[in-house]
Amino acid sequence: MKLQGITGVKGFAQGPAMIWRRPEIEVSSFAQKAQNIDREMEQLEHSLAQAREELEKIIYDLEKEGRTEESRIIRFQQMLLIDVEIIGDLKNLIKNEGVTAQTAFVRVMEKEISNLLLDESDSKREGEDYLASRILDYKDLMNRVLRIFREQKTVYPFLDKECVMIADDLNPSDIVQLE
């Protein structure tokens, strides 16, 4: 059998295959209109706070292991959760358009990703890898916060031996939690 994809690590690997799929969160199933604006604001605050706590734990563990480069990637996601413009956009959508916190979060993250894609397509430069990485960070963060909204947990496989990981997609926080 021949598999084709993008490698996470350069080089050659041989070993048993571990196939992992993150549970997908169906964005289209979110209720669009809020029943109670105050409740949506509370849910937004709670979900963002929980995401910040989860990311802080990952950062702490990475830094304890001396993995500062990986911790910087996760810290970028954490900074997005306190970004004044993003928080303002979220709250405005909930208050002014009466959408749910989940819908507002998806719209704002998709807008941010679209802006990065426009930046990437407008200029082909050395920073392309940087922009692609930031897009992954936004998608990773969106998955984390939506999972929290839905009260779902991501269960990572226990890797008790070396293997070749096969996945549809691995986000930055997935990779550090698998190691």
Protein backbone atom coordinates (compact mmCIF):
# COMPACT_ATOMS: atom_id res chain seq x y z
CA MET A 1 0.00 0.00 0.00
CA LYS A 2 1.28 3.46 -0.88
CA LEU A 3 0.30 6.48 1.22
CA GLN A 4 1.00 10.00 0.15
CA GLY A 5 0.94 13.08 2.31
CA ILE A 6 2.93 15.71 4.09
CA THR A 7 5.57 14.64 6.55
CA GLY A 8 5.81 16.23 9.95
CA VAL A 9 9.47 15.31 10.33
CA LYS A 10 12.09 15.07 7.61
CA GLY A 11 13.75 11.74 6.99
CA PHE A 12 12.79 8.12 6.72
CA ALA A 13 10.63 6.26 9.18
CA GLN A 14 9.72 2.64 9.49
CA GLY A 15 7.52 0.97 12.04
CA PRO A 16 3.98 0.08 12.92
CA ALA A 17 1.36 2.57 11.75
CA MET A 18 -0.81 4.45 14.24
CA ILE A 19 -3.89 5.95 12.60
CA TRP A 20 -5.51 8.80 14.53
CA ARG A 21 -8.53 10.90 13.72
CA ARG A 22 -9.58 13.86 15.79
CA PRO A 23 -13.32 13.91 16.34
CA GLU A 24 -14.73 16.46 13.92
CA ILE A 25 -16.95 19.24 15.18
CA GLU A 26 -19.67 20.02 12.69
CA VAL A 27 -19.76 23.79 12.53
CA SER A 28 -22.98 23.96 10.48
CA SER A 29 -24.94 22.32 13.32
CA PHE A 30 -24.50 25.30 15.64
CA ALA A 31 -27.60 27.30 16.43
CA GLN A 32 -27.26 30.60 14.62
CA LYS A 33 -29.43 32.90 16.75
CA ALA A 34 -28.99 33.39 20.47
CA GLN A 35 -31.89 32.76 22.83
CA ASN A 36 -30.29 34.78 25.63
CA ILE A 37 -27.51 37.30 24.91
CA ASP A 38 -26.28 37.41 28.53
CA ARG A 39 -26.02 33.62 28.60
CA GLU A 40 -24.06 33.67 25.33
CA MET A 41 -21.64 36.24 26.74
CA GLU A 42 -21.12 34.06 29.82
CA GLN A 43 -20.56 31.00 27.67
CA LEU A 44 -18.03 32.92 25.58
CA GLU A 45 -16.11 34.08 28.67
CA HIS A 46 -16.17 30.60 30.20
CA SER A 47 -15.01 28.85 27.02
CA LEU A 48 -12.21 31.32 26.34
CA ALA A 49 -11.03 31.07 29.96
CA GLN A 50 -11.00 27.28 29.81
CA ALA A 51 -9.06 27.36 26.53
CA ARG A 52 -6.51 29.73 28.09
CA GLU A 53 -6.11 27.36 31.05
CA GLU A 54 -5.61 24.35 28.77
CA LEU A 55 -3.02 26.20 26.74
CA GLU A 56 -1.26 27.43 29.89
CA LYS A 57 -0.88 23.82 31.07
CA ILE A 58 0.57 22.77 27.71
CA ILE A 59 2.99 25.72 27.79
CA TYR A 60 4.03 24.90 31.35
CA ASP A 61 4.72 21.25 30.46
CA LEU A 62 6.68 22.21 27.35
CA GLU A 63 8.81 24.78 29.14
CA LYS A 64 9.46 22.34 32.00
CA GLU A 65 10.87 19.96 29.38
CA GLY A 66 12.97 22.76 27.81
CA ARG A 67 10.89 22.83 24.62
CA THR A 68 10.75 26.61 24.27
CA GLU A 69 10.16 26.66 20.50
CA GLU A 70 7.02 24.55 20.83
CA SER A 71 5.86 26.62 23.79
CA ARG A 72 6.10 29.78 21.64
CA ILE A 73 3.72 28.24 19.10
CA ILE A 74 1.15 27.49 21.79
CA ARG A 75 1.69 30.89 23.41
CA PHE A 76 0.69 32.55 20.11
CA GLN A 77 -2.67 30.77 20.34
CA GLN A 78 -3.02 31.88 23.93
CA MET A 79 -2.39 35.49 22.89
CA LEU A 80 -5.20 35.26 20.33
CA LEU A 81 -7.60 34.49 23.17
CA ILE A 82 -6.87 37.86 24.79
CA ASP A 83 -6.54 39.89 21.60
CA VAL A 84 -8.64 43.03 22.14
CA GLU A 85 -9.79 43.22 18.51
CA ILE A 86 -10.84 39.56 18.38
CA ILE A 87 -12.66 39.77 21.73
CA GLY A 88 -14.37 42.98 20.59
CA ASP A 89 -15.48 41.37 17.33
CA LEU A 90 -16.86 38.37 19.22
CA LYS A 91 -18.83 40.49 21.65
CA ASN A 92 -20.14 42.79 18.92
CA LEU A 93 -21.46 39.86 16.88
CA ILE A 94 -23.25 38.44 19.91
CA LYS A 95 -24.70 41.78 21.06
CA ASN A 96 -25.43 43.45 17.72
CA GLU A 97 -26.36 40.48 15.53
CA GLY A 98 -27.78 38.25 18.23
CA VAL A 99 -25.77 35.19 17.20
CA THR A 100 -24.62 32.45 19.55
CA ALA A 101 -21.13 32.56 21.05
CA GLN A 102 -20.20 29.52 18.95
CA THR A 103 -21.37 31.15 15.73
CA ALA A 104 -19.55 34.38 16.60
CA PHE A 105 -16.35 32.47 17.33
CA VAL A 106 -16.49 30.59 14.04
CA ARG A 107 -17.17 33.77 12.06
CA VAL A 108 -14.34 35.70 13.69
CA MET A 109 -11.81 32.87 13.30
CA GLU A 110 -12.81 32.32 9.67
CA LYS A 111 -12.44 36.06 9.03
CA GLU A 112 -8.95 36.01 10.58
CA ILE A 113 -7.97 32.97 8.49
CA SER A 114 -9.33 34.66 5.34
CA ASN A 115 -7.26 37.74 6.09
CA LEU A 116 -4.14 35.60 6.40
CA LEU A 117 -4.96 33.78 3.17
CA LEU A 118 -5.31 37.13 1.41
CA ASP A 119 -1.95 38.22 2.81
CA GLU A 120 -0.42 34.97 1.60
CA SER A 121 -1.86 35.18 -1.93
CA ASP A 122 -1.11 38.89 -2.37
CA SER A 123 2.59 38.48 -1.86
CA LYS A 124 4.79 35.49 -2.45
CA ARG A 125 7.66 36.02 -0.08
CA GLU A 126 9.84 34.24 2.45
CA GLY A 127 7.13 34.57 5.09
CA GLU A 128 4.82 32.05 3.42
CA ASP A 129 5.73 29.31 5.86
CA TYR A 130 5.08 31.70 8.70
CA LEU A 131 1.61 32.55 7.36
CA ALA A 132 0.78 28.87 6.79
CA SER A 133 1.81 28.15 10.37
CA ARG A 134 -0.37 30.97 11.69
CA ILE A 135 -3.35 29.63 9.73
CA LEU A 136 -2.79 26.25 11.42
CA ASP A 137 -2.70 28.03 14.78
CA TYR A 138 -6.06 29.68 14.12
CA LYS A 139 -7.60 26.38 13.01
CA ASP A 140 -6.13 24.61 16.03
CA LEU A 141 -7.49 27.26 18.37
CA MET A 142 -10.89 27.19 16.67
CA ASN A 143 -11.07 23.41 17.14
CA ARG A 144 -10.10 23.73 20.82
CA VAL A 145 -12.65 26.41 21.66
CA LEU A 146 -15.46 24.73 19.70
CA ARG A 147 -14.70 21.48 21.53
CA ILE A 148 -15.03 23.38 24.81
CA PHE A 149 -18.33 24.94 23.69
CA ARG A 150 -19.57 21.43 22.92
CA GLU A 151 -18.15 20.02 26.17
CA GLN A 152 -16.17 17.41 24.22
CA LYS A 153 -12.76 16.08 25.09
CA THR A 154 -10.00 15.16 22.67
CA VAL A 155 -8.63 11.76 23.57
CA TYR A 156 -5.07 11.24 22.40
CA PRO A 157 -3.70 7.74 21.84
CA PHE A 158 -1.15 6.39 24.28
CA LEU A 159 2.07 5.89 22.35
CA ASP A 160 3.95 3.24 24.30
CA LYS A 161 6.31 2.45 21.41
CA GLU A 162 7.71 4.22 18.40
CA CYS A 163 5.37 4.29 15.43
CA VAL A 164 4.55 6.14 12.25
CA MET A 165 1.64 8.46 12.96
CA ILE A 166 -0.95 8.74 10.21
CA ALA A 167 -3.59 11.44 10.51
CA ASP A 168 -5.80 13.54 8.27
CA ASP A 169 -4.50 16.62 10.04
CA LEU A 170 -2.32 17.29 13.06
CA ASN A 171 -2.54 20.68 14.70
CA PRO A 172 0.39 22.15 16.64
CA SER A 173 -1.18 21.36 20.03
CA ASP A 174 -1.99 17.81 18.89
CA ILE A 175 1.65 17.17 18.06
CA VAL A 176 3.00 18.34 21.41
CA GLN A 177 0.36 16.36 23.30
CA LEU A 178 1.19 13.17 21.40
CA GLU A 179 4.89 13.32 22.28
